[in-house]
Structures are given as C-alpha cells and as structure tokens.
Amino acid sequence: MKCLLRNKEAFKARGVAVPGPGKYRRLLRETMNAMASSDASENAREVLLDAILDDENADRVLLSNAHFFGAPRAAVRRGMLYPNAPERMVYMSEIFGEDQIELFMALRNPASFLPAAFAKSPRDGLGSFMGGVDPLAVRWSDTLLRIREAAPEVSITVWCNEDAPLIWSGIIRDMAGLEQGEEVIGGFDLLTEIMVPEGMVRFRHYLETHADMTETQKQHVAVAFLDKFAREDAIEEELDMPGWTDELVSELTEIYDEDVLDIARISGVKLLSP
C-alpha cells in the first residue's frame, strides 16, 4: 500500500487511481457482510465508487487489503487456505459487474504460512487448527481453482512471496497496467529490507553504471548481490509450530514448488516469477 501511494501522482496522470485505504476497506467489508443476507442495491456500484474516488476520474482503481478474504484467524479452515475467497470475489463481481476485475495476490510457502496463521488463530493445537486435515494436503491451487470456478470472469495474477523482493517493480507495474520497464517509485523497497545497506549502495551504483540492463538481467544482478550482502536475520525464518520438523518443512516446500507449477497452468491465472 505504501508503495502504491508513493506512485499516486504518477499513476493519476495515467488514469490510475490509488485511493487511501481509509476510503474503502471498512465500506467494502460492511457492504459484503450485508450481501451475505441480501443482494446489493442497484446503485451500490455508483455509491461505492463515489465514496472511493471522491470526484476523481479514473480508468483503473487500485484497492489493497491484506485481509480482504478474512481476518488472519479465518485464513485456514479444514485445510483450505482463505475459504471465504470465492464468496468475496462473487460479491465483487456482483457489485462491479460492468467493470473488469483483476485480483492480485501473493502465495506463501505453507511451511511458513501455516505457523503464521496458527499464531493468530484461537485454536489450541495443530489438530483443531487444521480441522483434521494433513498439512501435506494443503494447496494454494485448490483456493485459486475455487475462485476461478466461482468468478470465472475475474483474472488472477499471483506470485510467490519468497520471490517478491526480486520482482517487486514488475508486480507494481502489472497492478497499474504499465508496460514492463516503465519507471516506478519503490521498485527495490523489499530488496532493501533483506540486504545490508552497503550492499544496496553497491547494487544501486551498479544499476546506474549499467543503465541498459533488462528486468531479467537486473534480477540476476540482485541475486548475485544477495548472495554476498543478504541480511541473514531477514531471510531466515523461525517456525514455531507444534510438530513442525525439518523433514516436514522440506516436504511441504517441495509440495509447494510443485503446486506453483500447477498454478501456472490454470486458465485465467498469471504467475509472475523471476
């Protein structure tokens, strides 16, 4: 959200609006909660857009909410990741039926995602948290296929959270509908979080002296700099989860990698990767 807002003025000149989250998060949540028991009113779209845009004209509107599919405590139900996602996208399609809706979301290795979700859940143990489902059965592709089935007109763009620092500028460009290579502010924000300051200084200097590099070449250079200047505390994660062994984490990671390959083959889903 911070990165999008930093590009607000530049995007506005291209007909892309980046409204502040205070204008729509609660409003959309209340609207969708109401739709659980009754259909949206005929003028719901106009009312929402008037409140969100506040007289601003735009061809494209960027909305961001990490909890759009539900609070963290509801992120996992009986082994399904974000079980409320299909319903939420159906509601969006009903409200904005005359618009083109695009969903952008990160994926995360269940080996680290499940412990993070468990830490924010009210469950006491792994069994109740997973609803009796084996963690090895968890797939992001199941969630995406359910969204595609429920709202087939919605295009989906995903990426692995683990890759985000290397492709962040491309993610922001795709959100804004820009061409690859176009300038965005904050394209290396995530890289800054996982690289020591000296490394970032050298990395930026290298880019300045090699201005003709492609995006792919920049990613390769970033990987090379990370090999030498990565912050170990930022790239290594402590996993606090009952029964989580090194062997289970390795197996979950292998399954996740295979699942991502399957996701890339889902019709209507675009996978961004280095």
Protein backbone atom coordinates (compact mmCIF):
# COMPACT_ATOMS: atom_id res chain seq x y z
CA MET A 1 0.00 0.00 0.00
CA LYS A 2 2.83 2.39 0.86
CA CYS A 3 4.49 1.72 -2.48
CA LEU A 4 1.27 2.31 -4.40
CA LEU A 5 0.65 5.58 -2.58
CA ARG A 6 4.20 6.75 -3.37
CA ASN A 7 3.30 6.37 -7.05
CA LYS A 8 -0.12 8.01 -6.62
CA GLU A 9 0.55 11.21 -8.59
CA ALA A 10 2.44 9.50 -11.41
CA PHE A 11 -0.31 6.90 -11.75
CA LYS A 12 -3.03 9.57 -11.65
CA ALA A 13 -1.58 11.13 -14.79
CA ARG A 14 -2.17 7.78 -16.50
CA GLY A 15 -5.78 7.48 -15.33
CA VAL A 16 -4.93 5.10 -12.48
CA ALA A 17 -6.36 6.00 -9.05
CA VAL A 18 -4.77 4.92 -5.77
CA PRO A 19 -7.31 5.90 -3.09
CA GLY A 20 -6.28 5.78 0.55
CA PRO A 21 -7.39 2.56 2.28
CA GLY A 22 -9.48 4.51 4.78
CA LYS A 23 -11.89 5.32 1.96
CA TYR A 24 -12.87 1.77 1.11
CA ARG A 25 -11.73 -1.02 3.43
CA ARG A 26 -14.47 -0.67 6.02
CA LEU A 27 -17.03 0.33 3.38
CA LEU A 28 -16.38 -2.75 1.25
CA ARG A 29 -16.33 -5.03 4.29
CA GLU A 30 -19.69 -3.75 5.52
CA THR A 31 -21.19 -3.99 2.03
CA MET A 32 -20.09 -7.59 1.61
CA ASN A 33 -21.21 -8.57 5.09
CA ALA A 34 -24.64 -7.22 4.21
CA MET A 35 -24.63 -9.17 0.92
CA ALA A 36 -24.41 -12.41 2.90
CA SER A 37 -28.11 -11.96 3.70
CA SER A 38 -29.40 -9.80 0.81
CA ASP A 39 -28.46 -8.70 -2.68
CA ALA A 40 -26.61 -5.45 -3.23
CA SER A 41 -28.74 -2.47 -4.18
CA GLU A 42 -28.91 -1.45 -7.84
CA ASN A 43 -26.85 1.68 -7.23
CA ALA A 44 -24.26 0.01 -4.98
CA ARG A 45 -21.50 0.41 -7.59
CA GLU A 46 -22.09 4.14 -8.03
CA VAL A 47 -22.32 4.76 -4.29
CA LEU A 48 -19.11 2.88 -3.60
CA LEU A 49 -17.16 4.49 -6.44
CA ASP A 50 -18.32 7.96 -5.41
CA ALA A 51 -17.05 7.32 -1.89
CA ILE A 52 -13.82 5.68 -3.03
CA LEU A 53 -12.84 8.13 -5.77
CA ASP A 54 -14.16 11.32 -4.18
CA ASP A 55 -14.83 13.07 -7.55
CA GLU A 56 -11.58 11.77 -9.07
CA ASN A 57 -11.86 10.35 -12.61
CA ALA A 58 -10.06 7.10 -13.31
CA ASP A 59 -9.96 4.24 -15.81
CA ARG A 60 -8.34 1.93 -13.28
CA VAL A 61 -8.65 1.83 -9.48
CA LEU A 62 -6.14 0.06 -7.25
CA LEU A 63 -7.51 -1.27 -3.95
CA SER A 64 -5.36 -3.13 -1.43
CA ASN A 65 -6.29 -5.06 1.69
CA ALA A 66 -4.26 -7.90 3.20
CA HIS A 67 -7.40 -9.13 4.98
CA PHE A 68 -9.86 -8.84 2.09
CA PHE A 69 -10.55 -12.58 2.24
CA GLY A 70 -10.97 -12.52 6.01
CA ALA A 71 -9.15 -11.88 9.25
CA PRO A 72 -5.92 -13.83 9.89
CA ARG A 73 -7.72 -16.12 12.34
CA ALA A 74 -10.00 -17.22 9.47
CA ALA A 75 -7.22 -17.77 6.92
CA VAL A 76 -7.36 -21.57 7.28
CA ARG A 77 -10.43 -23.79 7.67
CA ARG A 78 -10.23 -27.58 7.45
CA GLY A 79 -7.01 -27.32 5.46
CA MET A 80 -8.40 -24.80 2.95
CA LEU A 81 -6.47 -21.54 2.56
CA TYR A 82 -8.75 -18.48 2.60
CA PRO A 83 -12.03 -20.41 2.36
CA ASN A 84 -14.03 -17.16 2.05
CA ALA A 85 -12.14 -16.02 -1.06
CA PRO A 86 -14.56 -17.39 -3.70
CA GLU A 87 -17.56 -15.80 -1.97
CA ARG A 88 -15.79 -12.43 -1.71
CA MET A 89 -14.92 -12.44 -5.40
CA VAL A 90 -18.52 -13.32 -6.31
CA TYR A 91 -19.67 -10.30 -4.31
CA MET A 92 -17.14 -8.08 -6.09
CA SER A 93 -18.38 -9.40 -9.44
CA GLU A 94 -21.97 -8.64 -8.49
CA ILE A 95 -21.18 -5.11 -7.35
CA PHE A 96 -18.83 -4.22 -10.20
CA GLY A 97 -20.41 -6.35 -12.90
CA GLU A 98 -19.83 -3.79 -15.65
CA ASP A 99 -16.14 -3.42 -14.78
CA GLN A 100 -13.09 -5.59 -15.40
CA ILE A 101 -11.95 -7.01 -12.06
CA GLU A 102 -8.39 -8.21 -11.58
CA LEU A 103 -7.17 -9.99 -8.45
CA PHE A 104 -3.52 -9.72 -7.40
CA MET A 105 -2.28 -11.83 -4.51
CA ALA A 106 0.90 -13.34 -3.13
CA LEU A 107 1.34 -17.00 -2.33
CA ARG A 108 3.48 -18.19 0.55
CA ASN A 109 5.08 -21.49 1.37
CA PRO A 110 2.60 -23.32 3.66
CA ALA A 111 5.60 -24.36 5.75
CA SER A 112 5.79 -20.75 6.98
CA PHE A 113 2.24 -19.57 6.19
CA LEU A 114 0.52 -22.14 8.38
CA PRO A 115 2.60 -21.34 11.51
CA ALA A 116 1.93 -17.62 10.96
CA ALA A 117 -1.82 -18.24 10.63
CA PHE A 118 -1.80 -20.63 13.61
CA ALA A 119 -0.18 -17.95 15.79
CA LYS A 120 -3.18 -15.68 15.15
CA SER A 121 -5.84 -18.36 15.48
CA PRO A 122 -7.89 -19.22 18.60
CA ARG A 123 -7.07 -22.95 18.29
CA ASP A 124 -5.05 -24.70 20.97
CA GLY A 125 -3.43 -27.40 18.86
CA LEU A 126 -2.50 -28.30 15.31
CA GLY A 127 -5.33 -30.84 15.01
CA SER A 128 -8.11 -28.35 15.72
CA PHE A 129 -6.39 -25.65 13.66
CA MET A 130 -6.15 -27.90 10.58
CA GLY A 131 -9.58 -29.44 11.17
CA GLY A 132 -8.08 -32.89 10.98
CA VAL A 133 -6.53 -32.26 7.56
CA ASP A 134 -2.92 -33.32 6.97
CA PRO A 135 -0.74 -30.20 6.35
CA LEU A 136 0.78 -32.07 3.42
CA ALA A 137 -2.61 -31.87 1.69
CA VAL A 138 -2.73 -28.06 1.70
CA ARG A 139 -2.60 -26.49 -1.78
CA TRP A 140 -2.86 -22.88 -2.96
CA SER A 141 -4.12 -24.25 -6.28
CA ASP A 142 -7.27 -25.50 -4.52
CA THR A 143 -8.10 -21.95 -3.43
CA LEU A 144 -7.37 -20.47 -6.86
CA LEU A 145 -9.42 -23.12 -8.66
CA ARG A 146 -12.37 -22.39 -6.34
CA ILE A 147 -12.08 -18.67 -7.11
CA ARG A 148 -11.92 -19.37 -10.85
CA GLU A 149 -15.00 -21.58 -10.64
CA ALA A 150 -16.97 -19.07 -8.57
CA ALA A 151 -15.93 -15.96 -10.54
CA PRO A 152 -14.56 -17.08 -13.92
CA GLU A 153 -14.65 -13.54 -15.33
CA VAL A 154 -12.05 -12.34 -12.79
CA SER A 155 -8.45 -12.55 -13.99
CA ILE A 156 -5.90 -13.55 -11.33
CA THR A 157 -2.23 -12.61 -11.02
CA VAL A 158 -0.14 -14.35 -8.37
CA TRP A 159 3.49 -14.55 -7.30
CA CYS A 160 5.47 -16.32 -4.61
CA ASN A 161 6.06 -14.09 -1.61
CA GLU A 162 9.57 -15.53 -1.45
CA ASP A 163 10.28 -14.04 -4.92
CA ALA A 164 8.70 -10.64 -4.24
CA PRO A 165 11.93 -8.69 -3.48
CA LEU A 166 13.28 -9.60 -6.92
CA ILE A 167 10.13 -8.83 -8.94
CA TRP A 168 8.50 -6.07 -6.88
CA SER A 169 8.69 -3.39 -9.59
CA GLY A 170 7.08 -5.80 -12.06
CA ILE A 171 4.27 -6.55 -9.62
CA ILE A 172 3.52 -2.85 -9.18
CA ARG A 173 3.65 -2.28 -12.94
CA ASP A 174 1.19 -5.09 -13.59
CA MET A 175 -1.17 -3.73 -10.94
CA ALA A 176 -1.09 -0.31 -12.57
CA GLY A 177 -1.35 -1.67 -16.11
CA LEU A 178 2.03 -0.28 -17.12
CA GLU A 179 4.43 -1.67 -19.69
CA GLN A 180 7.46 -3.63 -18.49
CA GLY A 181 10.47 -1.40 -17.97
CA GLU A 182 8.45 1.71 -17.13
CA GLU A 183 9.71 3.59 -14.10
CA VAL A 184 8.02 3.10 -10.73
CA ILE A 185 8.93 4.53 -7.34
CA GLY A 186 9.98 1.99 -4.73
CA GLY A 187 10.77 -0.88 -7.07
CA PHE A 188 13.53 -2.07 -4.73
CA ASP A 189 11.72 -1.43 -1.42
CA LEU A 190 11.55 -5.12 -0.50
CA LEU A 191 15.12 -5.75 -1.58
CA THR A 192 16.20 -3.01 0.84
CA GLU A 193 14.59 -4.95 3.70
CA ILE A 194 16.69 -8.08 3.12
CA MET A 195 20.03 -6.58 2.05
CA VAL A 196 22.55 -4.77 4.24
CA PRO A 197 22.93 -1.01 3.47
CA GLU A 198 26.39 -1.41 1.95
CA GLY A 199 25.02 -3.98 -0.47
CA MET A 200 22.13 -1.74 -1.54
CA VAL A 201 24.53 1.17 -2.16
CA ARG A 202 26.71 -1.02 -4.36
CA PHE A 203 23.68 -2.55 -6.09
CA ARG A 204 22.19 0.85 -6.97
CA HIS A 205 25.59 2.08 -8.19
CA TYR A 206 25.88 -0.99 -10.39
CA LEU A 207 22.46 -0.29 -11.92
CA GLU A 208 23.40 3.34 -12.55
CA THR A 209 26.52 2.28 -14.42
CA HIS A 210 24.65 -0.40 -16.41
CA ALA A 211 21.51 1.52 -17.35
CA ASP A 212 20.74 -0.61 -20.41
CA MET A 213 20.01 -3.83 -18.48
CA THR A 214 16.72 -5.65 -18.94
CA GLU A 215 14.47 -6.51 -15.98
CA THR A 216 15.66 -10.11 -16.09
CA GLN A 217 19.29 -9.00 -16.01
CA LYS A 218 18.55 -6.73 -13.03
CA GLN A 219 17.03 -9.71 -11.20
CA HIS A 220 20.13 -11.79 -11.85
CA VAL A 221 22.31 -8.97 -10.52
CA ALA A 222 20.09 -8.67 -7.43
CA VAL A 223 20.52 -12.40 -6.74
CA ALA A 224 24.28 -12.04 -7.04
CA PHE A 225 24.32 -9.14 -4.57
CA LEU A 226 22.05 -11.05 -2.17
CA ASP A 227 24.48 -13.95 -2.17
CA LYS A 228 27.05 -11.58 -0.67
CA PHE A 229 25.05 -8.92 1.17
CA ALA A 230 21.82 -10.57 2.36
CA ARG A 231 20.72 -9.93 5.95
CA GLU A 232 20.61 -13.41 7.45
CA ASP A 233 18.06 -12.35 10.08
CA ALA A 234 15.73 -11.18 7.30
CA ILE A 235 15.91 -14.24 5.05
CA GLU A 236 15.82 -16.93 7.73
CA GLU A 237 12.52 -17.56 9.49
CA GLU A 238 11.88 -19.14 12.87
CA LEU A 239 8.97 -21.58 12.54
CA ASP A 240 7.07 -22.03 15.80
CA MET A 241 4.53 -24.76 15.13
CA PRO A 242 3.65 -27.95 17.06
CA GLY A 243 5.07 -30.98 15.28
CA TRP A 244 6.96 -28.96 12.66
CA THR A 245 10.16 -30.89 11.92
CA ASP A 246 12.89 -30.12 9.40
CA GLU A 247 11.73 -33.10 7.37
CA LEU A 248 8.13 -31.86 7.29
CA VAL A 249 9.22 -28.35 6.29
CA SER A 250 11.31 -29.79 3.44
CA GLU A 251 8.40 -31.92 2.25
CA LEU A 252 5.95 -29.02 2.45
CA THR A 253 8.37 -26.85 0.50
CA GLU A 254 8.74 -29.47 -2.22
CA ILE A 255 4.96 -29.81 -2.50
CA TYR A 256 4.63 -26.00 -2.63
CA ASP A 257 7.11 -25.80 -5.53
CA GLU A 258 5.14 -28.44 -7.43
CA ASP A 259 1.87 -26.67 -6.64
CA VAL A 260 3.22 -23.40 -8.07
CA LEU A 261 3.99 -25.21 -11.33
CA ASP A 262 0.39 -26.48 -11.40
CA ILE A 263 -0.90 -22.96 -10.69
CA ALA A 264 0.98 -21.60 -13.70
CA ARG A 265 -1.12 -23.93 -15.86
CA ILE A 266 -4.52 -22.80 -14.51
CA SER A 267 -6.51 -20.96 -17.18
CA GLY A 268 -7.07 -17.31 -16.26
CA VAL A 269 -4.18 -17.25 -13.77
CA LYS A 270 -0.93 -15.41 -14.48
CA LEU A 271 2.15 -16.32 -12.45
CA LEU A 272 4.82 -13.64 -12.00
CA SER A 273 8.28 -15.06 -11.36
CA PRO A 274 11.95 -14.06 -11.65
